[in-house]
Amino acid sequence: MAEIKLVMSKHDLEQARERGISINEIKETIQKGAKFIQDSKVVTSFRHIRVVCKKLKDRYFVITVMIRK
């Protein structure tokens, strides 16, 4: 699988760390997860993680990272 490029804010990185989610898990969720579109954003879920992001050219701009309930 091709390496995906992420753009993450300091806030996103802090959220992921607080929730025990690694960068590799975020990438895996974007690559392998079930996806749907919500208000021009991509919401993807895989295993116990949900990622909300926007696809911008060749990279994904992460909006939020959360544990699925």
PDB file of N, CA and C in Angstrom:
ATOM      1  N   MET A   1       0.829  -1.175   0.000  1.00  0.00           N
ATOM      2  CA  MET A   1       0.000   0.000   0.000  1.00  0.00           C
ATOM      3  C   MET A   1       0.881   1.248   0.000  1.00  0.00           C
ATOM      4  N   ALA A   2       0.476   2.252  -0.705  1.00  0.00           N
ATOM      5  CA  ALA A   2       1.251   3.492  -0.781  1.00  0.00           C
ATOM      6  C   ALA A   2       1.226   4.209   0.574  1.00  0.00           C
ATOM      7  N   GLU A   3       2.326   4.839   0.895  1.00  0.00           N
ATOM      8  CA  GLU A   3       2.414   5.609   2.137  1.00  0.00           C
ATOM      9  C   GLU A   3       1.511   6.828   2.018  1.00  0.00           C
ATOM     10  N   ILE A   4       0.641   7.026   2.998  1.00  0.00           N
ATOM     11  CA  ILE A   4      -0.219   8.199   2.952  1.00  0.00           C
ATOM     12  C   ILE A   4       0.415   9.308   3.779  1.00  0.00           C
ATOM     13  N   LYS A   5       0.156  10.525   3.360  1.00  0.00           N
ATOM     14  CA  LYS A   5       0.712  11.698   4.028  1.00  0.00           C
ATOM     15  C   LYS A   5      -0.379  12.347   4.861  1.00  0.00           C
ATOM     16  N   LEU A   6      -0.056  12.639   6.112  1.00  0.00           N
ATOM     17  CA  LEU A   6      -0.995  13.287   7.016  1.00  0.00           C
ATOM     18  C   LEU A   6      -0.545  14.699   7.320  1.00  0.00           C
ATOM     19  N   VAL A   7      -1.521  15.571   7.504  1.00  0.00           N
ATOM     20  CA  VAL A   7      -1.271  16.905   8.044  1.00  0.00           C
ATOM     21  C   VAL A   7      -2.066  16.947   9.339  1.00  0.00           C
ATOM     22  N   MET A   8      -1.342  17.111  10.449  1.00  0.00           N
ATOM     23  CA  MET A   8      -1.991  17.117  11.753  1.00  0.00           C
ATOM     24  C   MET A   8      -1.581  18.350  12.537  1.00  0.00           C
ATOM     25  N   SER A   9      -2.545  18.934  13.230  1.00  0.00           N
ATOM     26  CA  SER A   9      -2.249  20.081  14.082  1.00  0.00           C
ATOM     27  C   SER A   9      -1.700  19.596  15.422  1.00  0.00           C
ATOM     28  N   LYS A  10      -1.168  20.500  16.187  1.00  0.00           N
ATOM     29  CA  LYS A  10      -0.687  20.172  17.523  1.00  0.00           C
ATOM     30  C   LYS A  10      -1.836  19.603  18.356  1.00  0.00           C
ATOM     31  N   HIS A  11      -3.018  20.172  18.196  1.00  0.00           N
ATOM     32  CA  HIS A  11      -4.208  19.710  18.915  1.00  0.00           C
ATOM     33  C   HIS A  11      -4.530  18.255  18.558  1.00  0.00           C
ATOM     34  N   ASP A  12      -4.483  17.906  17.273  1.00  0.00           N
ATOM     35  CA  ASP A  12      -4.743  16.525  16.840  1.00  0.00           C
ATOM     36  C   ASP A  12      -3.738  15.560  17.451  1.00  0.00           C
ATOM     37  N   LEU A  13      -2.476  15.944  17.440  1.00  0.00           N
ATOM     38  CA  LEU A  13      -1.427  15.099  18.014  1.00  0.00           C
ATOM     39  C   LEU A  13      -1.651  14.885  19.512  1.00  0.00           C
ATOM     40  N   GLU A  14      -2.061  15.953  20.212  1.00  0.00           N
ATOM     41  CA  GLU A  14      -2.348  15.837  21.643  1.00  0.00           C
ATOM     42  C   GLU A  14      -3.553  14.930  21.886  1.00  0.00           C
ATOM     43  N   GLN A  15      -4.597  15.080  21.053  1.00  0.00           N
ATOM     44  CA  GLN A  15      -5.785  14.227  21.175  1.00  0.00           C
ATOM     45  C   GLN A  15      -5.404  12.761  21.015  1.00  0.00           C
ATOM     46  N   ALA A  16      -4.645  12.469  19.981  1.00  0.00           N
ATOM     47  CA  ALA A  16      -4.248  11.089  19.706  1.00  0.00           C
ATOM     48  C   ALA A  16      -3.435  10.534  20.875  1.00  0.00           C
ATOM     49  N   ARG A  17      -2.487  11.295  21.365  1.00  0.00           N
ATOM     50  CA  ARG A  17      -1.639  10.829  22.472  1.00  0.00           C
ATOM     51  C   ARG A  17      -2.487  10.575  23.720  1.00  0.00           C
ATOM     52  N   GLU A  18      -3.393  11.507  24.055  1.00  0.00           N
ATOM     53  CA  GLU A  18      -4.253  11.353  25.227  1.00  0.00           C
ATOM     54  C   GLU A  18      -5.146  10.116  25.115  1.00  0.00           C
ATOM     55  N   ARG A  19      -5.518   9.768  23.897  1.00  0.00           N
ATOM     56  CA  ARG A  19      -6.427   8.640  23.672  1.00  0.00           C
ATOM     57  C   ARG A  19      -5.692   7.339  23.352  1.00  0.00           C
ATOM     58  N   GLY A  20      -4.366   7.389  23.382  1.00  0.00           N
ATOM     59  CA  GLY A  20      -3.578   6.186  23.165  1.00  0.00           C
ATOM     60  C   GLY A  20      -3.597   5.688  21.730  1.00  0.00           C
ATOM     61  N   ILE A  21      -3.704   6.619  20.772  1.00  0.00           N
ATOM     62  CA  ILE A  21      -3.782   6.274  19.357  1.00  0.00           C
ATOM     63  C   ILE A  21      -2.486   6.709  18.671  1.00  0.00           C
ATOM     64  N   SER A  22      -1.849   5.782  17.958  1.00  0.00           N
ATOM     65  CA  SER A  22      -0.589   6.098  17.279  1.00  0.00           C
ATOM     66  C   SER A  22      -0.839   6.668  15.883  1.00  0.00           C
ATOM     67  N   ILE A  23       0.185   7.297  15.336  1.00  0.00           N
ATOM     68  CA  ILE A  23       0.118   7.815  13.971  1.00  0.00           C
ATOM     69  C   ILE A  23      -0.132   6.660  12.998  1.00  0.00           C
ATOM     70  N   ASN A  24       0.514   5.533  13.219  1.00  0.00           N
ATOM     71  CA  ASN A  24       0.297   4.377  12.337  1.00  0.00           C
ATOM     72  C   ASN A  24      -1.141   3.887  12.393  1.00  0.00           C
ATOM     73  N   GLU A  25      -1.765   3.933  13.573  1.00  0.00           N
ATOM     74  CA  GLU A  25      -3.180   3.535  13.677  1.00  0.00           C
ATOM     75  C   GLU A  25      -4.081   4.514  12.931  1.00  0.00           C
ATOM     76  N   ILE A  26      -3.742   5.789  12.964  1.00  0.00           N
ATOM     77  CA  ILE A  26      -4.514   6.788  12.214  1.00  0.00           C
ATOM     78  C   ILE A  26      -4.408   6.497  10.717  1.00  0.00           C
ATOM     79  N   LYS A  27      -3.181   6.250  10.239  1.00  0.00           N
ATOM     80  CA  LYS A  27      -2.983   5.937   8.818  1.00  0.00           C
ATOM     81  C   LYS A  27      -3.728   4.663   8.424  1.00  0.00           C
ATOM     82  N   GLU A  28      -3.651   3.643   9.277  1.00  0.00           N
ATOM     83  CA  GLU A  28      -4.336   2.377   8.988  1.00  0.00           C
ATOM     84  C   GLU A  28      -5.850   2.579   8.934  1.00  0.00           C
ATOM     85  N   THR A  29      -6.377   3.414   9.824  1.00  0.00           N
ATOM     86  CA  THR A  29      -7.809   3.708   9.829  1.00  0.00           C
ATOM     87  C   THR A  29      -8.218   4.396   8.530  1.00  0.00           C
ATOM     88  N   ILE A  30      -7.428   5.347   8.073  1.00  0.00           N
ATOM     89  CA  ILE A  30      -7.736   6.043   6.817  1.00  0.00           C
ATOM     90  C   ILE A  30      -7.630   5.084   5.634  1.00  0.00           C
ATOM     91  N   GLN A  31      -6.627   4.215   5.634  1.00  0.00           N
ATOM     92  CA  GLN A  31      -6.430   3.293   4.510  1.00  0.00           C
ATOM     93  C   GLN A  31      -7.462   2.174   4.467  1.00  0.00           C
ATOM     94  N   LYS A  32      -7.772   1.574   5.606  1.00  0.00           N
ATOM     95  CA  LYS A  32      -8.571   0.348   5.629  1.00  0.00           C
ATOM     96  C   LYS A  32      -9.997   0.516   6.130  1.00  0.00           C
ATOM     97  N   GLY A  33     -10.301   1.645   6.747  1.00  0.00           N
ATOM     98  CA  GLY A  33     -11.590   1.809   7.405  1.00  0.00           C
ATOM     99  C   GLY A  33     -12.764   2.054   6.480  1.00  0.00           C
ATOM    100  N   ALA A  34     -13.952   1.775   7.027  1.00  0.00           N
ATOM    101  CA  ALA A  34     -15.207   2.102   6.335  1.00  0.00           C
ATOM    102  C   ALA A  34     -15.328   3.618   6.311  1.00  0.00           C
ATOM    103  N   LYS A  35     -15.724   4.155   5.154  1.00  0.00           N
ATOM    104  CA  LYS A  35     -15.752   5.605   4.980  1.00  0.00           C
ATOM    105  C   LYS A  35     -17.137   6.101   4.596  1.00  0.00           C
ATOM    106  N   PHE A  36     -17.464   7.297   5.069  1.00  0.00           N
ATOM    107  CA  PHE A  36     -18.636   8.003   4.568  1.00  0.00           C
ATOM    108  C   PHE A  36     -18.342   9.496   4.595  1.00  0.00           C
ATOM    109  N   ILE A  37     -19.090  10.227   3.786  1.00  0.00           N
ATOM    110  CA  ILE A  37     -18.898  11.675   3.662  1.00  0.00           C
ATOM    111  C   ILE A  37     -19.917  12.375   4.551  1.00  0.00           C
ATOM    112  N   GLN A  38     -19.439  13.359   5.314  1.00  0.00           N
ATOM    113  CA  GLN A  38     -20.323  14.153   6.164  1.00  0.00           C
ATOM    114  C   GLN A  38     -19.873  15.601   6.064  1.00  0.00           C
ATOM    115  N   ASP A  39     -20.718  16.446   5.487  1.00  0.00           N
ATOM    116  CA  ASP A  39     -20.404  17.881   5.347  1.00  0.00           C
ATOM    117  C   ASP A  39     -19.037  18.113   4.716  1.00  0.00           C
ATOM    118  N   SER A  40     -18.743  17.469   3.628  1.00  0.00           N
ATOM    119  CA  SER A  40     -17.499  17.577   2.851  1.00  0.00           C
ATOM    120  C   SER A  40     -16.270  17.012   3.572  1.00  0.00           C
ATOM    121  N   LYS A  41     -16.485  16.329   4.676  1.00  0.00           N
ATOM    122  CA  LYS A  41     -15.386  15.675   5.391  1.00  0.00           C
ATOM    123  C   LYS A  41     -15.516  14.167   5.232  1.00  0.00           C
ATOM    124  N   VAL A  42     -14.400  13.464   5.319  1.00  0.00           N
ATOM    125  CA  VAL A  42     -14.397  12.010   5.274  1.00  0.00           C
ATOM    126  C   VAL A  42     -14.339  11.506   6.708  1.00  0.00           C
ATOM    127  N   VAL A  43     -15.303  10.658   7.071  1.00  0.00           N
ATOM    128  CA  VAL A  43     -15.302  10.025   8.386  1.00  0.00           C
ATOM    129  C   VAL A  43     -14.984   8.554   8.140  1.00  0.00           C
ATOM    130  N   THR A  44     -13.932   8.067   8.757  1.00  0.00           N
ATOM    131  CA  THR A  44     -13.509   6.693   8.543  1.00  0.00           C
ATOM    132  C   THR A  44     -13.334   5.992   9.886  1.00  0.00           C
ATOM    133  N   SER A  45     -13.800   4.739   9.946  1.00  0.00           N
ATOM    134  CA  SER A  45     -13.748   3.958  11.179  1.00  0.00           C
ATOM    135  C   SER A  45     -13.097   2.613  10.906  1.00  0.00           C
ATOM    136  N   PHE A  46     -12.200   2.222  11.808  1.00  0.00           N
ATOM    137  CA  PHE A  46     -11.529   0.927  11.697  1.00  0.00           C
ATOM    138  C   PHE A  46     -11.152   0.496  13.097  1.00  0.00           C
ATOM    139  N   ARG A  47     -11.487  -0.751  13.429  1.00  0.00           N
ATOM    140  CA  ARG A  47     -11.264  -1.278  14.771  1.00  0.00           C
ATOM    141  C   ARG A  47     -11.913  -0.348  15.789  1.00  0.00           C
ATOM    142  N   HIS A  48     -11.156   0.203  16.722  1.00  0.00           N
ATOM    143  CA  HIS A  48     -11.718   1.037  17.790  1.00  0.00           C
ATOM    144  C   HIS A  48     -11.529   2.539  17.543  1.00  0.00           C
ATOM    145  N   ILE A  49     -11.104   2.910  16.334  1.00  0.00           N
ATOM    146  CA  ILE A  49     -10.737   4.306  16.049  1.00  0.00           C
ATOM    147  C   ILE A  49     -11.644   4.910  14.989  1.00  0.00           C
ATOM    148  N   ARG A  50     -11.950   6.190  15.169  1.00  0.00           N
ATOM    149  CA  ARG A  50     -12.656   6.968  14.145  1.00  0.00           C
ATOM    150  C   ARG A  50     -11.821   8.208  13.866  1.00  0.00           C
ATOM    151  N   VAL A  51     -11.635   8.510  12.570  1.00  0.00           N
ATOM    152  CA  VAL A  51     -10.866   9.677  12.144  1.00  0.00           C
ATOM    153  C   VAL A  51     -11.755  10.524  11.236  1.00  0.00           C
ATOM    154  N   VAL A  52     -11.789  11.814  11.499  1.00  0.00           N
ATOM    155  CA  VAL A  52     -12.469  12.765  10.623  1.00  0.00           C
ATOM    156  C   VAL A  52     -11.373  13.566   9.937  1.00  0.00           C
ATOM    157  N   CYS A  53     -11.427  13.610   8.590  1.00  0.00           N
ATOM    158  CA  CYS A  53     -10.356  14.287   7.847  1.00  0.00           C
ATOM    159  C   CYS A  53     -10.902  14.841   6.538  1.00  0.00           C
ATOM    160  N   LYS A  54     -10.070  15.599   5.864  1.00  0.00           N
ATOM    161  CA  LYS A  54     -10.354  16.094   4.512  1.00  0.00           C
ATOM    162  C   LYS A  54      -9.217  15.655   3.618  1.00  0.00           C
ATOM    163  N   LYS A  55      -9.557  15.205   2.423  1.00  0.00           N
ATOM    164  CA  LYS A  55      -8.541  14.825   1.439  1.00  0.00           C
ATOM    165  C   LYS A  55      -8.186  16.079   0.654  1.00  0.00           C
ATOM    166  N   LEU A  56      -6.929  16.457   0.699  1.00  0.00           N
ATOM    167  CA  LEU A  56      -6.444  17.628  -0.015  1.00  0.00           C
ATOM    168  C   LEU A  56      -5.301  17.199  -0.925  1.00  0.00           C
ATOM    169  N   LYS A  57      -5.570  17.094  -2.189  1.00  0.00           N
ATOM    170  CA  LYS A  57      -4.598  16.636  -3.189  1.00  0.00           C
ATOM    171  C   LYS A  57      -4.024  15.290  -2.783  1.00  0.00           C
ATOM    172  N   ASP A  58      -2.746  15.250  -2.399  1.00  0.00           N
ATOM    173  CA  ASP A  58      -2.091  13.976  -2.100  1.00  0.00           C
ATOM    174  C   ASP A  58      -1.940  13.711  -0.604  1.00  0.00           C
ATOM    175  N   ARG A  59      -2.664  14.454   0.232  1.00  0.00           N
ATOM    176  CA  ARG A  59      -2.535  14.253   1.675  1.00  0.00           C
ATOM    177  C   ARG A  59      -3.888  14.371   2.373  1.00  0.00           C
ATOM    178  N   TYR A  60      -3.911  13.894   3.583  1.00  0.00           N
ATOM    179  CA  TYR A  60      -5.123  13.960   4.402  1.00  0.00           C
ATOM    180  C   TYR A  60      -4.909  14.951   5.534  1.00  0.00           C
ATOM    181  N   PHE A  61      -5.812  15.919   5.652  1.00  0.00           N
ATOM    182  CA  PHE A  61      -5.784  16.895   6.736  1.00  0.00           C
ATOM    183  C   PHE A  61      -6.680  16.360   7.841  1.00  0.00           C
ATOM    184  N   VAL A  62      -6.075  15.959   8.953  1.00  0.00           N
ATOM    185  CA  VAL A  62      -6.826  15.353  10.054  1.00  0.00           C
ATOM    186  C   VAL A  62      -7.514  16.450  10.854  1.00  0.00           C
ATOM    187  N   ILE A  63      -8.828  16.253  11.084  1.00  0.00           N
ATOM    188  CA  ILE A  63      -9.621  17.210  11.851  1.00  0.00           C
ATOM    189  C   ILE A  63      -9.750  16.751  13.294  1.00  0.00           C
ATOM    190  N   THR A  64     -10.064  15.480  13.493  1.00  0.00           N
ATOM    191  CA  THR A  64     -10.143  14.930  14.841  1.00  0.00           C
ATOM    192  C   THR A  64      -9.920  13.418  14.816  1.00  0.00           C
ATOM    193  N   VAL A  65      -9.503  12.913  15.963  1.00  0.00           N
ATOM    194  CA  VAL A  65      -9.255  11.493  16.158  1.00  0.00           C
ATOM    195  C   VAL A  65      -9.980  11.095  17.434  1.00  0.00           C
ATOM    196  N   MET A  66     -10.731   9.999  17.397  1.00  0.00           N
ATOM    197  CA  MET A  66     -11.470   9.597  18.590  1.00  0.00           C
ATOM    198  C   MET A  66     -11.582   8.087  18.709  1.00  0.00           C
ATOM    199  N   ILE A  67     -11.923   7.640  19.890  1.00  0.00           N
ATOM    200  CA  ILE A  67     -12.208   6.227  20.134  1.00  0.00           C
ATOM    201  C   ILE A  67     -13.681   6.016  19.803  1.00  0.00           C
ATOM    202  N   ARG A  68     -13.970   4.966  19.018  1.00  0.00           N
ATOM    203  CA  ARG A  68     -15.361   4.666  18.678  1.00  0.00           C
ATOM    204  C   ARG A  68     -16.098   4.177  19.911  1.00  0.00           C
ATOM    205  N   LYS A  69     -17.364   4.527  19.977  1.00  0.00           N
ATOM    206  CA  LYS A  69     -18.186   4.072  21.117  1.00  0.00           C
ATOM    207  C   LYS A  69     -19.134   3.005  20.676  1.00  0.00           C
TER     208      LYS A  69
END
